[in-house]
């Protein structure tokens, strides 16, 4: 079964936010965390993660934040994950 990926801003039980990228190879029954870091966003901003898989199988991810209704205001990172 092909792998599926999910990226986003997740919160733990203490409401601490993390920017994370996850992968599953069994249709979502189990997930592994490929990347996790504290979320740099501020109140009133929204974070988005875009994912793409290239023909070689590497996962490319970018993270950006926006204000409440505006365009992207900060591109924080570009990751290439095996």
PDB file of N, CA and C in Angstrom:
ATOM      1  N   UNK A   1       0.848  -1.170   0.000  1.00  0.00           N
ATOM      2  CA  UNK A   1       0.000   0.000   0.000  1.00  0.00           C
ATOM      3  C   UNK A   1       0.902   1.245   0.000  1.00  0.00           C
ATOM      4  N   UNK A   2       0.597   2.246  -0.833  1.00  0.00           N
ATOM      5  CA  UNK A   2       1.428   3.447  -0.865  1.00  0.00           C
ATOM      6  C   UNK A   2       1.307   4.255   0.428  1.00  0.00           C
ATOM      7  N   UNK A   3       2.350   5.012   0.693  1.00  0.00           N
ATOM      8  CA  UNK A   3       2.362   5.857   1.894  1.00  0.00           C
ATOM      9  C   UNK A   3       1.479   7.083   1.678  1.00  0.00           C
ATOM     10  N   UNK A   4       0.940   7.591   2.782  1.00  0.00           N
ATOM     11  CA  UNK A   4       0.187   8.846   2.785  1.00  0.00           C
ATOM     12  C   UNK A   4       0.825   9.758   3.826  1.00  0.00           C
ATOM     13  N   UNK A   5       0.755  11.054   3.593  1.00  0.00           N
ATOM     14  CA  UNK A   5       1.403  12.027   4.458  1.00  0.00           C
ATOM     15  C   UNK A   5       0.392  13.060   4.940  1.00  0.00           C
ATOM     16  N   UNK A   6       0.649  13.583   6.127  1.00  0.00           N
ATOM     17  CA  UNK A   6      -0.199  14.604   6.724  1.00  0.00           C
ATOM     18  C   UNK A   6       0.698  15.601   7.430  1.00  0.00           C
ATOM     19  N   UNK A   7       0.513  16.865   7.170  1.00  0.00           N
ATOM     20  CA  UNK A   7       1.282  17.899   7.849  1.00  0.00           C
ATOM     21  C   UNK A   7       0.347  18.945   8.406  1.00  0.00           C
ATOM     22  N   UNK A   8       0.711  19.512   9.540  1.00  0.00           N
ATOM     23  CA  UNK A   8      -0.121  20.545  10.120  1.00  0.00           C
ATOM     24  C   UNK A   8       0.398  20.990  11.469  1.00  0.00           C
ATOM     25  N   UNK A   9      -0.405  21.794  12.120  1.00  0.00           N
ATOM     26  CA  UNK A   9      -0.099  22.268  13.462  1.00  0.00           C
ATOM     27  C   UNK A   9      -0.951  21.456  14.421  1.00  0.00           C
ATOM     28  N   UNK A  10      -0.304  20.742  15.345  1.00  0.00           N
ATOM     29  CA  UNK A  10      -0.975  19.862  16.284  1.00  0.00           C
ATOM     30  C   UNK A  10      -0.720  20.354  17.700  1.00  0.00           C
ATOM     31  N   UNK A  11      -1.639  20.079  18.607  1.00  0.00           N
ATOM     32  CA  UNK A  11      -1.479  20.474  20.010  1.00  0.00           C
ATOM     33  C   UNK A  11      -1.462  19.234  20.888  1.00  0.00           C
ATOM     34  N   UNK A  12      -0.645  19.279  21.947  1.00  0.00           N
ATOM     35  CA  UNK A  12      -0.619  18.179  22.901  1.00  0.00           C
ATOM     36  C   UNK A  12      -1.621  18.448  24.029  1.00  0.00           C
ATOM     37  N   UNK A  13      -1.588  17.623  25.066  1.00  0.00           N
ATOM     38  CA  UNK A  13      -2.568  17.723  26.161  1.00  0.00           C
ATOM     39  C   UNK A  13      -2.469  19.039  26.925  1.00  0.00           C
ATOM     40  N   UNK A  14      -1.312  19.707  26.854  1.00  0.00           N
ATOM     41  CA  UNK A  14      -1.148  20.992  27.547  1.00  0.00           C
ATOM     42  C   UNK A  14      -1.391  22.176  26.615  1.00  0.00           C
ATOM     43  N   UNK A  15      -1.877  21.901  25.409  1.00  0.00           N
ATOM     44  CA  UNK A  15      -2.156  22.894  24.374  1.00  0.00           C
ATOM     45  C   UNK A  15      -0.892  23.553  23.822  1.00  0.00           C
ATOM     46  N   UNK A  16       0.260  22.906  23.998  1.00  0.00           N
ATOM     47  CA  UNK A  16       1.477  23.359  23.350  1.00  0.00           C
ATOM     48  C   UNK A  16       1.391  22.939  21.889  1.00  0.00           C
ATOM     49  N   UNK A  17       1.660  23.862  20.973  1.00  0.00           N
ATOM     50  CA  UNK A  17       1.492  23.576  19.550  1.00  0.00           C
ATOM     51  C   UNK A  17       2.812  23.167  18.907  1.00  0.00           C
ATOM     52  N   UNK A  18       2.698  22.227  17.958  1.00  0.00           N
ATOM     53  CA  UNK A  18       3.852  21.710  17.233  1.00  0.00           C
ATOM     54  C   UNK A  18       3.537  21.668  15.748  1.00  0.00           C
ATOM     55  N   UNK A  19       4.521  22.009  14.946  1.00  0.00           N
ATOM     56  CA  UNK A  19       4.456  21.828  13.510  1.00  0.00           C
ATOM     57  C   UNK A  19       4.955  20.417  13.243  1.00  0.00           C
ATOM     58  N   UNK A  20       4.107  19.561  12.661  1.00  0.00           N
ATOM     59  CA  UNK A  20       4.478  18.151  12.498  1.00  0.00           C
ATOM     60  C   UNK A  20       4.130  17.638  11.112  1.00  0.00           C
ATOM     61  N   UNK A  21       4.899  16.628  10.702  1.00  0.00           N
ATOM     62  CA  UNK A  21       4.645  15.898   9.466  1.00  0.00           C
ATOM     63  C   UNK A  21       4.603  14.420   9.823  1.00  0.00           C
ATOM     64  N   UNK A  22       3.522  13.739   9.418  1.00  0.00           N
ATOM     65  CA  UNK A  22       3.300  12.330   9.747  1.00  0.00           C
ATOM     66  C   UNK A  22       3.169  11.512   8.470  1.00  0.00           C
ATOM     67  N   UNK A  23       3.438  10.201   8.600  1.00  0.00           N
ATOM     68  CA  UNK A  23       3.309   9.268   7.466  1.00  0.00           C
ATOM     69  C   UNK A  23       2.625   7.994   7.932  1.00  0.00           C
ATOM     70  N   UNK A  24       1.779   7.452   7.056  1.00  0.00           N
ATOM     71  CA  UNK A  24       1.166   6.147   7.302  1.00  0.00           C
ATOM     72  C   UNK A  24       1.380   5.279   6.061  1.00  0.00           C
ATOM     73  N   UNK A  25       1.533   4.009   6.275  1.00  0.00           N
ATOM     74  CA  UNK A  25       1.655   3.057   5.177  1.00  0.00           C
ATOM     75  C   UNK A  25       0.587   1.988   5.235  1.00  0.00           C
ATOM     76  N   UNK A  26      -0.357   2.147   6.182  1.00  0.00           N
ATOM     77  CA  UNK A  26      -1.406   1.133   6.354  1.00  0.00           C
ATOM     78  C   UNK A  26      -2.802   1.761   6.392  1.00  0.00           C
ATOM     79  N   UNK A  27      -3.018   2.721   5.506  1.00  0.00           N
ATOM     80  CA  UNK A  27      -4.321   3.381   5.360  1.00  0.00           C
ATOM     81  C   UNK A  27      -4.776   4.098   6.633  1.00  0.00           C
ATOM     82  N   UNK A  28      -3.830   4.609   7.411  1.00  0.00           N
ATOM     83  CA  UNK A  28      -4.171   5.412   8.575  1.00  0.00           C
ATOM     84  C   UNK A  28      -4.337   4.656   9.878  1.00  0.00           C
ATOM     85  N   UNK A  29      -4.102   3.352   9.879  1.00  0.00           N
ATOM     86  CA  UNK A  29      -4.222   2.596  11.136  1.00  0.00           C
ATOM     87  C   UNK A  29      -3.141   3.012  12.123  1.00  0.00           C
ATOM     88  N   UNK A  30      -1.923   3.228  11.622  1.00  0.00           N
ATOM     89  CA  UNK A  30      -0.827   3.708  12.464  1.00  0.00           C
ATOM     90  C   UNK A  30      -0.109   4.838  11.723  1.00  0.00           C
ATOM     91  N   UNK A  31       0.476   5.749  12.509  1.00  0.00           N
ATOM     92  CA  UNK A  31       1.183   6.900  11.952  1.00  0.00           C
ATOM     93  C   UNK A  31       2.546   7.017  12.615  1.00  0.00           C
ATOM     94  N   UNK A  32       3.542   7.457  11.843  1.00  0.00           N
ATOM     95  CA  UNK A  32       4.845   7.771  12.414  1.00  0.00           C
ATOM     96  C   UNK A  32       5.104   9.256  12.190  1.00  0.00           C
ATOM     97  N   UNK A  33       5.806   9.865  13.117  1.00  0.00           N
ATOM     98  CA  UNK A  33       6.137  11.281  13.020  1.00  0.00           C
ATOM     99  C   UNK A  33       7.474  11.424  12.313  1.00  0.00           C
ATOM    100  N   UNK A  34       7.481  12.108  11.168  1.00  0.00           N
ATOM    101  CA  UNK A  34       8.712  12.335  10.414  1.00  0.00           C
ATOM    102  C   UNK A  34       9.421  13.599  10.885  1.00  0.00           C
ATOM    103  N   UNK A  35       8.648  14.565  11.342  1.00  0.00           N
ATOM    104  CA  UNK A  35       9.232  15.845  11.761  1.00  0.00           C
ATOM    105  C   UNK A  35       8.316  16.476  12.799  1.00  0.00           C
ATOM    106  N   UNK A  36       8.925  17.074  13.841  1.00  0.00           N
ATOM    107  CA  UNK A  36       8.166  17.786  14.868  1.00  0.00           C
ATOM    108  C   UNK A  36       9.042  18.895  15.435  1.00  0.00           C
ATOM    109  N   UNK A  37       8.466  20.076  15.553  1.00  0.00           N
ATOM    110  CA  UNK A  37       9.162  21.200  16.168  1.00  0.00           C
ATOM    111  C   UNK A  37       8.128  22.127  16.786  1.00  0.00           C
ATOM    112  N   UNK A  38       8.513  22.899  17.788  1.00  0.00           N
ATOM    113  CA  UNK A  38       7.557  23.846  18.370  1.00  0.00           C
ATOM    114  C   UNK A  38       7.034  24.790  17.294  1.00  0.00           C
ATOM    115  N   UNK A  39       5.748  25.059  17.330  1.00  0.00           N
ATOM    116  CA  UNK A  39       5.120  25.924  16.340  1.00  0.00           C
ATOM    117  C   UNK A  39       5.457  27.382  16.619  1.00  0.00           C
ATOM    118  N   UNK A  40       6.011  28.100  15.627  1.00  0.00           N
ATOM    119  CA  UNK A  40       6.441  29.478  15.861  1.00  0.00           C
ATOM    120  C   UNK A  40       5.335  30.522  15.725  1.00  0.00           C
ATOM    121  N   UNK A  41       4.101  30.101  15.498  1.00  0.00           N
ATOM    122  CA  UNK A  41       3.016  31.048  15.257  1.00  0.00           C
ATOM    123  C   UNK A  41       2.688  31.903  16.465  1.00  0.00           C
ATOM    124  N   UNK A  42       1.992  32.976  16.201  1.00  0.00           N
ATOM    125  CA  UNK A  42       1.548  33.872  17.259  1.00  0.00           C
ATOM    126  C   UNK A  42       0.034  33.969  17.227  1.00  0.00           C
ATOM    127  N   UNK A  43      -0.535  34.480  18.267  1.00  0.00           N
ATOM    128  CA  UNK A  43      -1.983  34.612  18.355  1.00  0.00           C
ATOM    129  C   UNK A  43      -2.507  35.435  17.180  1.00  0.00           C
ATOM    130  N   UNK A  44      -3.575  34.967  16.554  1.00  0.00           N
ATOM    131  CA  UNK A  44      -4.158  35.665  15.420  1.00  0.00           C
ATOM    132  C   UNK A  44      -3.607  35.224  14.086  1.00  0.00           C
ATOM    133  N   UNK A  45      -2.558  34.410  14.088  1.00  0.00           N
ATOM    134  CA  UNK A  45      -1.985  33.900  12.849  1.00  0.00           C
ATOM    135  C   UNK A  45      -2.412  32.457  12.638  1.00  0.00           C
ATOM    136  N   UNK A  46      -2.399  32.039  11.390  1.00  0.00           N
ATOM    137  CA  UNK A  46      -2.736  30.677  11.026  1.00  0.00           C
ATOM    138  C   UNK A  46      -1.534  30.046  10.345  1.00  0.00           C
ATOM    139  N   UNK A  47      -1.245  28.781  10.648  1.00  0.00           N
ATOM    140  CA  UNK A  47      -0.135  28.085  10.027  1.00  0.00           C
ATOM    141  C   UNK A  47      -0.636  27.041   9.051  1.00  0.00           C
ATOM    142  N   UNK A  48       0.073  26.890   7.940  1.00  0.00           N
ATOM    143  CA  UNK A  48      -0.282  25.921   6.920  1.00  0.00           C
ATOM    144  C   UNK A  48       0.960  25.143   6.510  1.00  0.00           C
ATOM    145  N   UNK A  49       0.776  23.876   6.228  1.00  0.00           N
ATOM    146  CA  UNK A  49       1.851  23.022   5.755  1.00  0.00           C
ATOM    147  C   UNK A  49       1.433  22.472   4.395  1.00  0.00           C
ATOM    148  N   UNK A  50       2.301  22.628   3.408  1.00  0.00           N
ATOM    149  CA  UNK A  50       2.069  22.063   2.078  1.00  0.00           C
ATOM    150  C   UNK A  50       3.044  20.914   1.884  1.00  0.00           C
ATOM    151  N   UNK A  51       2.551  19.816   1.330  1.00  0.00           N
ATOM    152  CA  UNK A  51       3.378  18.622   1.118  1.00  0.00           C
ATOM    153  C   UNK A  51       3.333  18.213  -0.343  1.00  0.00           C
ATOM    154  N   UNK A  52       4.480  17.723  -0.846  1.00  0.00           N
ATOM    155  CA  UNK A  52       4.552  17.146  -2.185  1.00  0.00           C
ATOM    156  C   UNK A  52       5.580  16.020  -2.140  1.00  0.00           C
ATOM    157  N   UNK A  53       5.343  14.973  -2.917  1.00  0.00           N
ATOM    158  CA  UNK A  53       6.281  13.857  -3.026  1.00  0.00           C
ATOM    159  C   UNK A  53       6.827  13.855  -4.444  1.00  0.00           C
ATOM    160  N   UNK A  54       8.173  13.916  -4.567  1.00  0.00           N
ATOM    161  CA  UNK A  54       8.777  13.950  -5.897  1.00  0.00           C
ATOM    162  C   UNK A  54       8.881  12.528  -6.463  1.00  0.00           C
ATOM    163  N   UNK A  55       9.252  12.381  -7.742  1.00  0.00           N
ATOM    164  CA  UNK A  55       9.321  11.054  -8.359  1.00  0.00           C
ATOM    165  C   UNK A  55      10.314  10.101  -7.680  1.00  0.00           C
ATOM    166  N   UNK A  56      11.278  10.630  -6.933  1.00  0.00           N
ATOM    167  CA  UNK A  56      12.251   9.789  -6.235  1.00  0.00           C
ATOM    168  C   UNK A  56      11.740   9.346  -4.869  1.00  0.00           C
ATOM    169  N   UNK A  57      10.579   9.842  -4.446  1.00  0.00           N
ATOM    170  CA  UNK A  57       9.994   9.444  -3.183  1.00  0.00           C
ATOM    171  C   UNK A  57      10.311  10.353  -2.010  1.00  0.00           C
ATOM    172  N   UNK A  58      11.068  11.430  -2.232  1.00  0.00           N
ATOM    173  CA  UNK A  58      11.350  12.377  -1.154  1.00  0.00           C
ATOM    174  C   UNK A  58      10.137  13.272  -0.918  1.00  0.00           C
ATOM    175  N   UNK A  59       9.897  13.575   0.339  1.00  0.00           N
ATOM    176  CA  UNK A  59       8.784  14.438   0.706  1.00  0.00           C
ATOM    177  C   UNK A  59       9.306  15.866   0.856  1.00  0.00           C
ATOM    178  N   UNK A  60       8.682  16.794   0.167  1.00  0.00           N
ATOM    179  CA  UNK A  60       9.024  18.206   0.268  1.00  0.00           C
ATOM    180  C   UNK A  60       7.885  18.898   1.014  1.00  0.00           C
ATOM    181  N   UNK A  61       8.254  19.716   1.965  1.00  0.00           N
ATOM    182  CA  UNK A  61       7.250  20.383   2.778  1.00  0.00           C
ATOM    183  C   UNK A  61       7.646  21.836   2.993  1.00  0.00           C
ATOM    184  N   UNK A  62       6.681  22.722   2.891  1.00  0.00           N
ATOM    185  CA  UNK A  62       6.904  24.120   3.246  1.00  0.00           C
ATOM    186  C   UNK A  62       5.882  24.509   4.303  1.00  0.00           C
ATOM    187  N   UNK A  63       6.274  25.421   5.149  1.00  0.00           N
ATOM    188  CA  UNK A  63       5.391  25.927   6.186  1.00  0.00           C
ATOM    189  C   UNK A  63       5.307  27.434   6.040  1.00  0.00           C
ATOM    190  N   UNK A  64       4.104  27.964   6.139  1.00  0.00           N
ATOM    191  CA  UNK A  64       3.956  29.411   6.127  1.00  0.00           C
ATOM    192  C   UNK A  64       2.834  29.822   7.059  1.00  0.00           C
ATOM    193  N   UNK A  65       2.873  31.064   7.465  1.00  0.00           N
ATOM    194  CA  UNK A  65       1.819  31.613   8.315  1.00  0.00           C
ATOM    195  C   UNK A  65       1.140  32.770   7.594  1.00  0.00           C
ATOM    196  N   UNK A  66      -0.093  33.030   7.973  1.00  0.00           N
ATOM    197  CA  UNK A  66      -0.846  34.155   7.434  1.00  0.00           C
ATOM    198  C   UNK A  66      -1.473  34.911   8.590  1.00  0.00           C
ATOM    199  N   UNK A  67      -1.900  36.135   8.290  1.00  0.00           N
ATOM    200  CA  UNK A  67      -2.732  36.799   9.280  1.00  0.00           C
ATOM    201  C   UNK A  67      -4.140  36.238   9.110  1.00  0.00           C
ATOM    202  N   UNK A  68      -5.111  36.771   9.757  1.00  0.00           N
ATOM    203  CA  UNK A  68      -6.443  36.161   9.793  1.00  0.00           C
ATOM    204  C   UNK A  68      -7.046  35.976   8.404  1.00  0.00           C
ATOM    205  N   UNK A  69      -6.960  36.958   7.525  1.00  0.00           N
ATOM    206  CA  UNK A  69      -7.581  36.833   6.211  1.00  0.00           C
ATOM    207  C   UNK A  69      -6.630  37.096   5.047  1.00  0.00           C
ATOM    208  N   UNK A  70      -5.377  37.372   5.331  1.00  0.00           N
ATOM    209  CA  UNK A  70      -4.473  37.822   4.285  1.00  0.00           C
ATOM    210  C   UNK A  70      -3.672  36.739   3.620  1.00  0.00           C
ATOM    211  N   UNK A  71      -2.779  37.213   2.773  1.00  0.00           N
ATOM    212  CA  UNK A  71      -1.869  36.321   2.051  1.00  0.00           C
ATOM    213  C   UNK A  71      -0.770  35.844   2.994  1.00  0.00           C
ATOM    214  N   UNK A  72       0.046  34.928   2.499  1.00  0.00           N
ATOM    215  CA  UNK A  72       1.152  34.421   3.313  1.00  0.00           C
ATOM    216  C   UNK A  72       2.046  35.576   3.744  1.00  0.00           C
ATOM    217  N   UNK A  73       2.412  35.571   5.019  1.00  0.00           N
ATOM    218  CA  UNK A  73       3.264  36.641   5.520  1.00  0.00           C
ATOM    219  C   UNK A  73       4.644  36.140   5.915  1.00  0.00           C
ATOM    220  N   UNK A  74       4.809  34.839   6.051  1.00  0.00           N
ATOM    221  CA  UNK A  74       6.105  34.318   6.469  1.00  0.00           C
ATOM    222  C   UNK A  74       6.255  32.882   6.004  1.00  0.00           C
ATOM    223  N   UNK A  75       7.296  32.641   5.191  1.00  0.00           N
ATOM    224  CA  UNK A  75       7.647  31.263   4.840  1.00  0.00           C
ATOM    225  C   UNK A  75       8.749  30.851   5.800  1.00  0.00           C
ATOM    226  N   UNK A  76       8.413  29.972   6.729  1.00  0.00           N
ATOM    227  CA  UNK A  76       9.326  29.635   7.807  1.00  0.00           C
ATOM    228  C   UNK A  76      10.345  28.569   7.440  1.00  0.00           C
ATOM    229  N   UNK A  77       9.985  27.630   6.589  1.00  0.00           N
ATOM    230  CA  UNK A  77      10.898  26.518   6.384  1.00  0.00           C
ATOM    231  C   UNK A  77      10.547  25.738   5.131  1.00  0.00           C
ATOM    232  N   UNK A  78      11.550  25.057   4.596  1.00  0.00           N
ATOM    233  CA  UNK A  78      11.371  24.076   3.533  1.00  0.00           C
ATOM    234  C   UNK A  78      12.129  22.836   3.963  1.00  0.00           C
ATOM    235  N   UNK A  79      11.443  21.716   4.046  1.00  0.00           N
ATOM    236  CA  UNK A  79      12.039  20.466   4.495  1.00  0.00           C
ATOM    237  C   UNK A  79      12.034  19.479   3.340  1.00  0.00           C
ATOM    238  N   UNK A  80      13.074  18.663   3.261  1.00  0.00           N
ATOM    239  CA  UNK A  80      13.097  17.528   2.354  1.00  0.00           C
ATOM    240  C   UNK A  80      13.336  16.310   3.234  1.00  0.00           C
ATOM    241  N   UNK A  81      12.357  15.416   3.269  1.00  0.00           N
ATOM    242  CA  UNK A  81      12.397  14.254   4.158  1.00  0.00           C
ATOM    243  C   UNK A  81      12.473  12.980   3.319  1.00  0.00           C
ATOM    244  N   UNK A  82      13.275  12.016   3.761  1.00  0.00           N
ATOM    245  CA  UNK A  82      13.403  10.759   3.002  1.00  0.00           C
ATOM    246  C   UNK A  82      12.139   9.920   3.116  1.00  0.00           C
TER     247      UNK A  82
END
